Amino acid sequence: MSIIDDINKTFDHRVRLGIMSVLMVNEYMDFTGLKEILDVTDGNLASHAKALEQAGYITVQKQFIGRKPNTRYIATSAGKTAFRQHLNALEKLINRSE
């Protein structure tokens, strides 16, 4: 098995990479916060968050704050582990290339 096999295809897209990066350093982030940080459209964020949720890497909590709906995202332990492994694989690949 080569180093490149350890790179997780789920994190190939910049939006998914961004979502996980934000969630690795924050306990949670709401939809609006992620949208602003990543500078993406509602639909783009929603579709990539759904892919991460289906992979089991994030959980989605929907609630109301007052009368306004609020969606927040939390990285699962499996998601954090997979993301760390992905970053480690990238680091090994970069170091091997030097």
PDB file of N, CA and C in Angstrom:
ATOM      1  N   MET A   1       0.847  -1.176   0.000  1.00  0.00           N
ATOM      2  CA  MET A   1       0.000   0.000   0.000  1.00  0.00           C
ATOM      3  C   MET A   1       0.897   1.245   0.000  1.00  0.00           C
ATOM      4  N   SER A   2       0.591   2.185  -0.867  1.00  0.00           N
ATOM      5  CA  SER A   2       1.406   3.397  -0.958  1.00  0.00           C
ATOM      6  C   SER A   2       0.825   4.507  -0.079  1.00  0.00           C
ATOM      7  N   ILE A   3       1.619   5.535   0.121  1.00  0.00           N
ATOM      8  CA  ILE A   3       1.191   6.674   0.934  1.00  0.00           C
ATOM      9  C   ILE A   3      -0.068   7.300   0.349  1.00  0.00           C
ATOM     10  N   ILE A   4      -0.138   7.366  -0.942  1.00  0.00           N
ATOM     11  CA  ILE A   4      -1.280   8.017  -1.584  1.00  0.00           C
ATOM     12  C   ILE A   4      -2.593   7.286  -1.291  1.00  0.00           C
ATOM     13  N   ASP A   5      -2.511   6.000  -0.974  1.00  0.00           N
ATOM     14  CA  ASP A   5      -3.710   5.234  -0.626  1.00  0.00           C
ATOM     15  C   ASP A   5      -4.309   5.694   0.710  1.00  0.00           C
ATOM     16  N   ASP A   6      -3.497   6.341   1.539  1.00  0.00           N
ATOM     17  CA  ASP A   6      -3.963   6.824   2.840  1.00  0.00           C
ATOM     18  C   ASP A   6      -4.685   8.170   2.746  1.00  0.00           C
ATOM     19  N   ILE A   7      -4.635   8.797   1.579  1.00  0.00           N
ATOM     20  CA  ILE A   7      -5.328  10.074   1.398  1.00  0.00           C
ATOM     21  C   ILE A   7      -6.814   9.778   1.228  1.00  0.00           C
ATOM     22  N   ASN A   8      -7.619  10.407   2.061  1.00  0.00           N
ATOM     23  CA  ASN A   8      -9.056  10.141   2.111  1.00  0.00           C
ATOM     24  C   ASN A   8      -9.787  10.952   1.045  1.00  0.00           C
ATOM     25  N   LYS A   9     -10.399  10.270   0.107  1.00  0.00           N
ATOM     26  CA  LYS A   9     -11.103  10.926  -1.000  1.00  0.00           C
ATOM     27  C   LYS A   9     -12.249  11.814  -0.518  1.00  0.00           C
ATOM     28  N   THR A  10     -12.807  11.530   0.634  1.00  0.00           N
ATOM     29  CA  THR A  10     -13.901  12.344   1.156  1.00  0.00           C
ATOM     30  C   THR A  10     -13.450  13.782   1.367  1.00  0.00           C
ATOM     31  N   PHE A  11     -12.179  13.984   1.661  1.00  0.00           N
ATOM     32  CA  PHE A  11     -11.663  15.322   1.924  1.00  0.00           C
ATOM     33  C   PHE A  11     -11.017  15.970   0.707  1.00  0.00           C
ATOM     34  N   ASP A  12     -11.210  15.384  -0.463  1.00  0.00           N
ATOM     35  CA  ASP A  12     -10.607  15.926  -1.684  1.00  0.00           C
ATOM     36  C   ASP A  12     -11.092  17.324  -2.039  1.00  0.00           C
ATOM     37  N   HIS A  13     -12.332  17.629  -1.760  1.00  0.00           N
ATOM     38  CA  HIS A  13     -12.877  18.922  -2.158  1.00  0.00           C
ATOM     39  C   HIS A  13     -12.536  19.995  -1.126  1.00  0.00           C
ATOM     40  N   ARG A  14     -12.235  21.186  -1.591  1.00  0.00           N
ATOM     41  CA  ARG A  14     -11.799  22.271  -0.703  1.00  0.00           C
ATOM     42  C   ARG A  14     -12.852  22.643   0.333  1.00  0.00           C
ATOM     43  N   VAL A  15     -14.143  22.524  -0.015  1.00  0.00           N
ATOM     44  CA  VAL A  15     -15.198  22.877   0.946  1.00  0.00           C
ATOM     45  C   VAL A  15     -15.225  21.854   2.076  1.00  0.00           C
ATOM     46  N   ARG A  16     -15.120  20.571   1.757  1.00  0.00           N
ATOM     47  CA  ARG A  16     -15.102  19.541   2.807  1.00  0.00           C
ATOM     48  C   ARG A  16     -13.860  19.671   3.669  1.00  0.00           C
ATOM     49  N   LEU A  17     -12.747  19.954   3.033  1.00  0.00           N
ATOM     50  CA  LEU A  17     -11.500  20.183   3.761  1.00  0.00           C
ATOM     51  C   LEU A  17     -11.667  21.374   4.708  1.00  0.00           C
ATOM     52  N   GLY A  18     -12.312  22.415   4.227  1.00  0.00           N
ATOM     53  CA  GLY A  18     -12.557  23.604   5.039  1.00  0.00           C
ATOM     54  C   GLY A  18     -13.493  23.330   6.200  1.00  0.00           C
ATOM     55  N   ILE A  19     -14.573  22.619   5.944  1.00  0.00           N
ATOM     56  CA  ILE A  19     -15.526  22.285   7.012  1.00  0.00           C
ATOM     57  C   ILE A  19     -14.818  21.524   8.125  1.00  0.00           C
ATOM     58  N   MET A  20     -14.075  20.501   7.747  1.00  0.00           N
ATOM     59  CA  MET A  20     -13.394  19.696   8.764  1.00  0.00           C
ATOM     60  C   MET A  20     -12.315  20.498   9.478  1.00  0.00           C
ATOM     61  N   SER A  21     -11.604  21.348   8.774  1.00  0.00           N
ATOM     62  CA  SER A  21     -10.574  22.176   9.411  1.00  0.00           C
ATOM     63  C   SER A  21     -11.182  23.071  10.476  1.00  0.00           C
ATOM     64  N   VAL A  22     -12.317  23.694  10.163  1.00  0.00           N
ATOM     65  CA  VAL A  22     -13.000  24.558  11.125  1.00  0.00           C
ATOM     66  C   VAL A  22     -13.487  23.744  12.323  1.00  0.00           C
ATOM     67  N   LEU A  23     -14.051  22.571  12.048  1.00  0.00           N
ATOM     68  CA  LEU A  23     -14.610  21.761  13.139  1.00  0.00           C
ATOM     69  C   LEU A  23     -13.548  21.084  14.000  1.00  0.00           C
ATOM     70  N   MET A  24     -12.345  20.980  13.500  1.00  0.00           N
ATOM     71  CA  MET A  24     -11.260  20.400  14.302  1.00  0.00           C
ATOM     72  C   MET A  24     -10.824  21.354  15.416  1.00  0.00           C
ATOM     73  N   VAL A  25     -11.039  22.642  15.228  1.00  0.00           N
ATOM     74  CA  VAL A  25     -10.579  23.622  16.218  1.00  0.00           C
ATOM     75  C   VAL A  25     -11.734  24.316  16.943  1.00  0.00           C
ATOM     76  N   ASN A  26     -12.951  23.946  16.614  1.00  0.00           N
ATOM     77  CA  ASN A  26     -14.136  24.491  17.279  1.00  0.00           C
ATOM     78  C   ASN A  26     -15.019  23.335  17.721  1.00  0.00           C
ATOM     79  N   GLU A  27     -15.640  23.478  18.865  1.00  0.00           N
ATOM     80  CA  GLU A  27     -16.535  22.426  19.360  1.00  0.00           C
ATOM     81  C   GLU A  27     -17.677  22.189  18.370  1.00  0.00           C
ATOM     82  N   TYR A  28     -18.175  23.277  17.802  1.00  0.00           N
ATOM     83  CA  TYR A  28     -19.207  23.219  16.772  1.00  0.00           C
ATOM     84  C   TYR A  28     -19.176  24.520  15.989  1.00  0.00           C
ATOM     85  N   MET A  29     -19.870  24.539  14.862  1.00  0.00           N
ATOM     86  CA  MET A  29     -20.002  25.759  14.072  1.00  0.00           C
ATOM     87  C   MET A  29     -21.372  25.725  13.419  1.00  0.00           C
ATOM     88  N   ASP A  30     -22.036  26.872  13.424  1.00  0.00           N
ATOM     89  CA  ASP A  30     -23.348  26.898  12.786  1.00  0.00           C
ATOM     90  C   ASP A  30     -23.213  27.168  11.291  1.00  0.00           C
ATOM     91  N   PHE A  31     -24.324  26.957  10.591  1.00  0.00           N
ATOM     92  CA  PHE A  31     -24.354  27.060   9.134  1.00  0.00           C
ATOM     93  C   PHE A  31     -23.852  28.423   8.673  1.00  0.00           C
ATOM     94  N   THR A  32     -24.361  29.480   9.291  1.00  0.00           N
ATOM     95  CA  THR A  32     -23.992  30.831   8.877  1.00  0.00           C
ATOM     96  C   THR A  32     -22.503  31.089   9.094  1.00  0.00           C
ATOM     97  N   GLY A  33     -21.984  30.638  10.230  1.00  0.00           N
ATOM     98  CA  GLY A  33     -20.561  30.816  10.509  1.00  0.00           C
ATOM     99  C   GLY A  33     -19.683  30.099   9.500  1.00  0.00           C
ATOM    100  N   LEU A  34     -20.024  28.855   9.188  1.00  0.00           N
ATOM    101  CA  LEU A  34     -19.260  28.101   8.188  1.00  0.00           C
ATOM    102  C   LEU A  34     -19.354  28.760   6.819  1.00  0.00           C
ATOM    103  N   LYS A  35     -20.540  29.197   6.475  1.00  0.00           N
ATOM    104  CA  LYS A  35     -20.754  29.840   5.172  1.00  0.00           C
ATOM    105  C   LYS A  35     -19.872  31.080   5.033  1.00  0.00           C
ATOM    106  N   GLU A  36     -19.797  31.883   6.095  1.00  0.00           N
ATOM    107  CA  GLU A  36     -18.985  33.101   6.062  1.00  0.00           C
ATOM    108  C   GLU A  36     -17.492  32.784   6.022  1.00  0.00           C
ATOM    109  N   ILE A  37     -17.053  31.862   6.860  1.00  0.00           N
ATOM    110  CA  ILE A  37     -15.630  31.508   6.911  1.00  0.00           C
ATOM    111  C   ILE A  37     -15.155  30.941   5.572  1.00  0.00           C
ATOM    112  N   LEU A  38     -15.968  30.059   4.996  1.00  0.00           N
ATOM    113  CA  LEU A  38     -15.559  29.374   3.763  1.00  0.00           C
ATOM    114  C   LEU A  38     -15.928  30.133   2.501  1.00  0.00           C
ATOM    115  N   ASP A  39     -16.772  31.159   2.640  1.00  0.00           N
ATOM    116  CA  ASP A  39     -17.204  31.979   1.509  1.00  0.00           C
ATOM    117  C   ASP A  39     -17.806  31.115   0.395  1.00  0.00           C
ATOM    118  N   VAL A  40     -18.845  30.361   0.770  1.00  0.00           N
ATOM    119  CA  VAL A  40     -19.530  29.481  -0.181  1.00  0.00           C
ATOM    120  C   VAL A  40     -21.033  29.780  -0.161  1.00  0.00           C
ATOM    121  N   THR A  41     -21.733  29.261  -1.152  1.00  0.00           N
ATOM    122  CA  THR A  41     -23.178  29.436  -1.211  1.00  0.00           C
ATOM    123  C   THR A  41     -23.869  28.467  -0.258  1.00  0.00           C
ATOM    124  N   ASP A  42     -25.131  28.744   0.025  1.00  0.00           N
ATOM    125  CA  ASP A  42     -25.932  27.852   0.877  1.00  0.00           C
ATOM    126  C   ASP A  42     -25.939  26.430   0.327  1.00  0.00           C
ATOM    127  N   GLY A  43     -26.232  26.301  -0.961  1.00  0.00           N
ATOM    128  CA  GLY A  43     -26.343  24.983  -1.586  1.00  0.00           C
ATOM    129  C   GLY A  43     -25.030  24.226  -1.580  1.00  0.00           C
ATOM    130  N   ASN A  44     -23.952  24.941  -1.839  1.00  0.00           N
ATOM    131  CA  ASN A  44     -22.631  24.319  -1.859  1.00  0.00           C
ATOM    132  C   ASN A  44     -22.276  23.788  -0.475  1.00  0.00           C
ATOM    133  N   LEU A  45     -22.483  24.604   0.540  1.00  0.00           N
ATOM    134  CA  LEU A  45     -22.193  24.178   1.909  1.00  0.00           C
ATOM    135  C   LEU A  45     -23.075  23.000   2.307  1.00  0.00           C
ATOM    136  N   ALA A  46     -24.353  23.097   2.009  1.00  0.00           N
ATOM    137  CA  ALA A  46     -25.291  22.034   2.391  1.00  0.00           C
ATOM    138  C   ALA A  46     -24.926  20.700   1.749  1.00  0.00           C
ATOM    139  N   SER A  47     -24.568  20.720   0.467  1.00  0.00           N
ATOM    140  CA  SER A  47     -24.266  19.450  -0.212  1.00  0.00           C
ATOM    141  C   SER A  47     -22.978  18.819   0.318  1.00  0.00           C
ATOM    142  N   HIS A  48     -21.977  19.633   0.612  1.00  0.00           N
ATOM    143  CA  HIS A  48     -20.724  19.075   1.129  1.00  0.00           C
ATOM    144  C   HIS A  48     -20.877  18.626   2.584  1.00  0.00           C
ATOM    145  N   ALA A  49     -21.666  19.354   3.352  1.00  0.00           N
ATOM    146  CA  ALA A  49     -21.924  18.928   4.733  1.00  0.00           C
ATOM    147  C   ALA A  49     -22.677  17.603   4.727  1.00  0.00           C
ATOM    148  N   LYS A  50     -23.600  17.440   3.803  1.00  0.00           N
ATOM    149  CA  LYS A  50     -24.360  16.188   3.701  1.00  0.00           C
ATOM    150  C   LYS A  50     -23.423  15.016   3.395  1.00  0.00           C
ATOM    151  N   ALA A  51     -22.465  15.231   2.506  1.00  0.00           N
ATOM    152  CA  ALA A  51     -21.498  14.165   2.174  1.00  0.00           C
ATOM    153  C   ALA A  51     -20.686  13.773   3.409  1.00  0.00           C
ATOM    154  N   LEU A  52     -20.267  14.766   4.191  1.00  0.00           N
ATOM    155  CA  LEU A  52     -19.509  14.462   5.415  1.00  0.00           C
ATOM    156  C   LEU A  52     -20.383  13.769   6.457  1.00  0.00           C
ATOM    157  N   GLU A  53     -21.649  14.174   6.516  1.00  0.00           N
ATOM    158  CA  GLU A  53     -22.579  13.530   7.447  1.00  0.00           C
ATOM    159  C   GLU A  53     -22.812  12.073   7.044  1.00  0.00           C
ATOM    160  N   GLN A  54     -23.005  11.824   5.765  1.00  0.00           N
ATOM    161  CA  GLN A  54     -23.234  10.457   5.283  1.00  0.00           C
ATOM    162  C   GLN A  54     -22.017   9.571   5.521  1.00  0.00           C
ATOM    163  N   ALA A  55     -20.829  10.163   5.507  1.00  0.00           N
ATOM    164  CA  ALA A  55     -19.614   9.400   5.784  1.00  0.00           C
ATOM    165  C   ALA A  55     -19.435   9.145   7.282  1.00  0.00           C
ATOM    166  N   GLY A  56     -20.257   9.799   8.102  1.00  0.00           N
ATOM    167  CA  GLY A  56     -20.151   9.633   9.548  1.00  0.00           C
ATOM    168  C   GLY A  56     -19.108  10.536  10.176  1.00  0.00           C
ATOM    169  N   TYR A  57     -18.656  11.547   9.444  1.00  0.00           N
ATOM    170  CA  TYR A  57     -17.589  12.421   9.926  1.00  0.00           C
ATOM    171  C   TYR A  57     -18.094  13.647  10.680  1.00  0.00           C
ATOM    172  N   ILE A  58     -19.354  14.026  10.450  1.00  0.00           N
ATOM    173  CA  ILE A  58     -19.940  15.126  11.210  1.00  0.00           C
ATOM    174  C   ILE A  58     -21.370  14.757  11.603  1.00  0.00           C
ATOM    175  N   THR A  59     -21.863  15.404  12.640  1.00  0.00           N
ATOM    176  CA  THR A  59     -23.272  15.296  12.987  1.00  0.00           C
ATOM    177  C   THR A  59     -23.898  16.670  12.785  1.00  0.00           C
ATOM    178  N   VAL A  60     -25.178  16.652  12.506  1.00  0.00           N
ATOM    179  CA  VAL A  60     -25.914  17.883  12.258  1.00  0.00           C
ATOM    180  C   VAL A  60     -26.990  18.001  13.325  1.00  0.00           C
ATOM    181  N   GLN A  61     -27.027  19.143  13.974  1.00  0.00           N
ATOM    182  CA  GLN A  61     -28.055  19.414  14.980  1.00  0.00           C
ATOM    183  C   GLN A  61     -28.904  20.578  14.498  1.00  0.00           C
ATOM    184  N   LYS A  62     -30.206  20.339  14.420  1.00  0.00           N
ATOM    185  CA  LYS A  62     -31.130  21.398  14.019  1.00  0.00           C
ATOM    186  C   LYS A  62     -31.948  21.788  15.232  1.00  0.00           C
ATOM    187  N   GLN A  63     -32.065  23.089  15.440  1.00  0.00           N
ATOM    188  CA  GLN A  63     -32.796  23.602  16.588  1.00  0.00           C
ATOM    189  C   GLN A  63     -33.376  24.962  16.232  1.00  0.00           C
ATOM    190  N   PHE A  64     -34.166  25.491  17.116  1.00  0.00           N
ATOM    191  CA  PHE A  64     -34.680  26.842  16.946  1.00  0.00           C
ATOM    192  C   PHE A  64     -34.086  27.713  18.032  1.00  0.00           C
ATOM    193  N   ILE A  65     -33.631  28.883  17.637  1.00  0.00           N
ATOM    194  CA  ILE A  65     -33.189  29.891  18.593  1.00  0.00           C
ATOM    195  C   ILE A  65     -34.208  31.021  18.454  1.00  0.00           C
ATOM    196  N   GLY A  66     -35.056  31.121  19.473  1.00  0.00           N
ATOM    197  CA  GLY A  66     -36.220  31.995  19.326  1.00  0.00           C
ATOM    198  C   GLY A  66     -37.126  31.371  18.292  1.00  0.00           C
ATOM    199  N   ARG A  67     -37.433  32.091  17.274  1.00  0.00           N
ATOM    200  CA  ARG A  67     -38.259  31.552  16.191  1.00  0.00           C
ATOM    201  C   ARG A  67     -37.449  31.227  14.935  1.00  0.00           C
ATOM    202  N   LYS A  68     -36.141  31.393  15.039  1.00  0.00           N
ATOM    203  CA  LYS A  68     -35.291  31.183  13.863  1.00  0.00           C
ATOM    204  C   LYS A  68     -34.651  29.797  13.897  1.00  0.00           C
ATOM    205  N   PRO A  69     -34.699  29.091  12.774  1.00  0.00           N
ATOM    206  CA  PRO A  69     -34.020  27.793  12.715  1.00  0.00           C
ATOM    207  C   PRO A  69     -32.504  27.982  12.750  1.00  0.00           C
ATOM    208  N   ASN A  70     -31.835  27.048  13.393  1.00  0.00           N
ATOM    209  CA  ASN A  70     -30.387  27.098  13.491  1.00  0.00           C
ATOM    210  C   ASN A  70     -29.852  25.689  13.266  1.00  0.00           C
ATOM    211  N   THR A  71     -28.883  25.575  12.364  1.00  0.00           N
ATOM    212  CA  THR A  71     -28.237  24.292  12.080  1.00  0.00           C
ATOM    213  C   THR A  71     -26.785  24.410  12.499  1.00  0.00           C
ATOM    214  N   ARG A  72     -26.346  23.456  13.291  1.00  0.00           N
ATOM    215  CA  ARG A  72     -24.938  23.471  13.653  1.00  0.00           C
ATOM    216  C   ARG A  72     -24.314  22.108  13.399  1.00  0.00           C
ATOM    217  N   TYR A  73     -23.026  22.149  13.169  1.00  0.00           N
ATOM    218  CA  TYR A  73     -22.265  20.971  12.777  1.00  0.00           C
ATOM    219  C   TYR A  73     -21.200  20.678  13.825  1.00  0.00           C
ATOM    220  N   ILE A  74     -20.999  19.387  14.062  1.00  0.00           N
ATOM    221  CA  ILE A  74     -20.017  18.928  15.038  1.00  0.00           C
ATOM    222  C   ILE A  74     -19.246  17.764  14.412  1.00  0.00           C
ATOM    223  N   ALA A  75     -17.929  17.807  14.519  1.00  0.00           N
ATOM    224  CA  ALA A  75     -17.114  16.692  14.026  1.00  0.00           C
ATOM    225  C   ALA A  75     -17.270  15.507  14.971  1.00  0.00           C
ATOM    226  N   THR A  76     -17.477  14.322  14.419  1.00  0.00           N
ATOM    227  CA  THR A  76     -17.546  13.105  15.227  1.00  0.00           C
ATOM    228  C   THR A  76     -16.123  12.641  15.550  1.00  0.00           C
ATOM    229  N   SER A  77     -15.997  11.746  16.517  1.00  0.00           N
ATOM    230  CA  SER A  77     -14.652  11.225  16.798  1.00  0.00           C
ATOM    231  C   SER A  77     -14.107  10.476  15.599  1.00  0.00           C
ATOM    232  N   ALA A  78     -14.970   9.761  14.884  1.00  0.00           N
ATOM    233  CA  ALA A  78     -14.519   9.067  13.671  1.00  0.00           C
ATOM    234  C   ALA A  78     -14.051  10.083  12.624  1.00  0.00           C
ATOM    235  N   GLY A  79     -14.758  11.195  12.528  1.00  0.00           N
ATOM    236  CA  GLY A  79     -14.380  12.241  11.582  1.00  0.00           C
ATOM    237  C   GLY A  79     -13.043  12.870  11.942  1.00  0.00           C
ATOM    238  N   LYS A  80     -12.846  13.128  13.216  1.00  0.00           N
ATOM    239  CA  LYS A  80     -11.578  13.713  13.663  1.00  0.00           C
ATOM    240  C   LYS A  80     -10.419  12.762  13.396  1.00  0.00           C
ATOM    241  N   THR A  81     -10.638  11.488  13.677  1.00  0.00           N
ATOM    242  CA  THR A  81      -9.589  10.487  13.430  1.00  0.00           C
ATOM    243  C   THR A  81      -9.279  10.392  11.940  1.00  0.00           C
ATOM    244  N   ALA A  82     -10.313  10.304  11.113  1.00  0.00           N
ATOM    245  CA  ALA A  82     -10.113  10.206   9.660  1.00  0.00           C
ATOM    246  C   ALA A  82      -9.405  11.441   9.114  1.00  0.00           C
ATOM    247  N   PHE A  83      -9.766  12.610   9.638  1.00  0.00           N
ATOM    248  CA  PHE A  83      -9.142  13.846   9.160  1.00  0.00           C
ATOM    249  C   PHE A  83      -7.672  13.906   9.566  1.00  0.00           C
ATOM    250  N   ARG A  84      -7.367  13.513  10.797  1.00  0.00           N
ATOM    251  CA  ARG A  84      -5.963  13.478  11.240  1.00  0.00           C
ATOM    252  C   ARG A  84      -5.152  12.505  10.375  1.00  0.00           C
ATOM    253  N   GLN A  85      -5.722  11.339  10.071  1.00  0.00           N
ATOM    254  CA  GLN A  85      -5.032  10.363   9.228  1.00  0.00           C
ATOM    255  C   GLN A  85      -4.800  10.930   7.832  1.00  0.00           C
ATOM    256  N   HIS A  86      -5.784  11.654   7.319  1.00  0.00           N
ATOM    257  CA  HIS A  86      -5.662  12.300   6.011  1.00  0.00           C
ATOM    258  C   HIS A  86      -4.517  13.317   6.022  1.00  0.00           C
ATOM    259  N   LEU A  87      -4.485  14.159   7.049  1.00  0.00           N
ATOM    260  CA  LEU A  87      -3.424  15.169   7.151  1.00  0.00           C
ATOM    261  C   LEU A  87      -2.049  14.514   7.305  1.00  0.00           C
ATOM    262  N   ASN A  88      -1.989  13.442   8.091  1.00  0.00           N
ATOM    263  CA  ASN A  88      -0.723  12.720   8.248  1.00  0.00           C
ATOM    264  C   ASN A  88      -0.249  12.139   6.928  1.00  0.00           C
ATOM    265  N   ALA A  89      -1.171  11.603   6.135  1.00  0.00           N
ATOM    266  CA  ALA A  89      -0.810  11.040   4.829  1.00  0.00           C
ATOM    267  C   ALA A  89      -0.287  12.136   3.905  1.00  0.00           C
ATOM    268  N   LEU A  90      -0.932  13.299   3.923  1.00  0.00           N
ATOM    269  CA  LEU A  90      -0.466  14.420   3.100  1.00  0.00           C
ATOM    270  C   LEU A  90       0.935  14.861   3.534  1.00  0.00           C
ATOM    271  N   GLU A  91       1.130  14.921   4.835  1.00  0.00           N
ATOM    272  CA  GLU A  91       2.435  15.324   5.367  1.00  0.00           C
ATOM    273  C   GLU A  91       3.526  14.329   4.956  1.00  0.00           C
ATOM    274  N   LYS A  92       3.237  13.033   5.046  1.00  0.00           N
ATOM    275  CA  LYS A  92       4.218  12.020   4.635  1.00  0.00           C
ATOM    276  C   LYS A  92       4.529  12.155   3.150  1.00  0.00           C
ATOM    277  N   LEU A  93       3.516  12.405   2.359  1.00  0.00           N
ATOM    278  CA  LEU A  93       3.710  12.562   0.913  1.00  0.00           C
ATOM    279  C   LEU A  93       4.574  13.780   0.622  1.00  0.00           C
ATOM    280  N   ILE A  94       4.318  14.877   1.301  1.00  0.00           N
ATOM    281  CA  ILE A  94       5.108  16.102   1.107  1.00  0.00           C
ATOM    282  C   ILE A  94       6.559  15.876   1.549  1.00  0.00           C
ATOM    283  N   ASN A  95       6.732  15.287   2.710  1.00  0.00           N
ATOM    284  CA  ASN A  95       8.092  15.043   3.224  1.00  0.00           C
ATOM    285  C   ASN A  95       8.865  14.065   2.356  1.00  0.00           C
ATOM    286  N   ARG A  96       8.182  13.137   1.772  1.00  0.00           N
ATOM    287  CA  ARG A  96       8.832  12.145   0.903  1.00  0.00           C
ATOM    288  C   ARG A  96       9.311  12.801  -0.393  1.00  0.00           C
ATOM    289  N   SER A  97       8.574  13.834  -0.808  1.00  0.00           N
ATOM    290  CA  SER A  97       8.895  14.511  -2.064  1.00  0.00           C
ATOM    291  C   SER A  97      10.054  15.476  -1.941  1.00  0.00           C
ATOM    292  N   GLU A  98      10.416  15.834  -0.715  1.00  0.00           N
ATOM    293  CA  GLU A  98      11.501  16.822  -0.541  1.00  0.00           C
ATOM    294  C   GLU A  98      12.862  16.234  -0.749  1.00  0.00           C
TER     295      GLU A  98
END
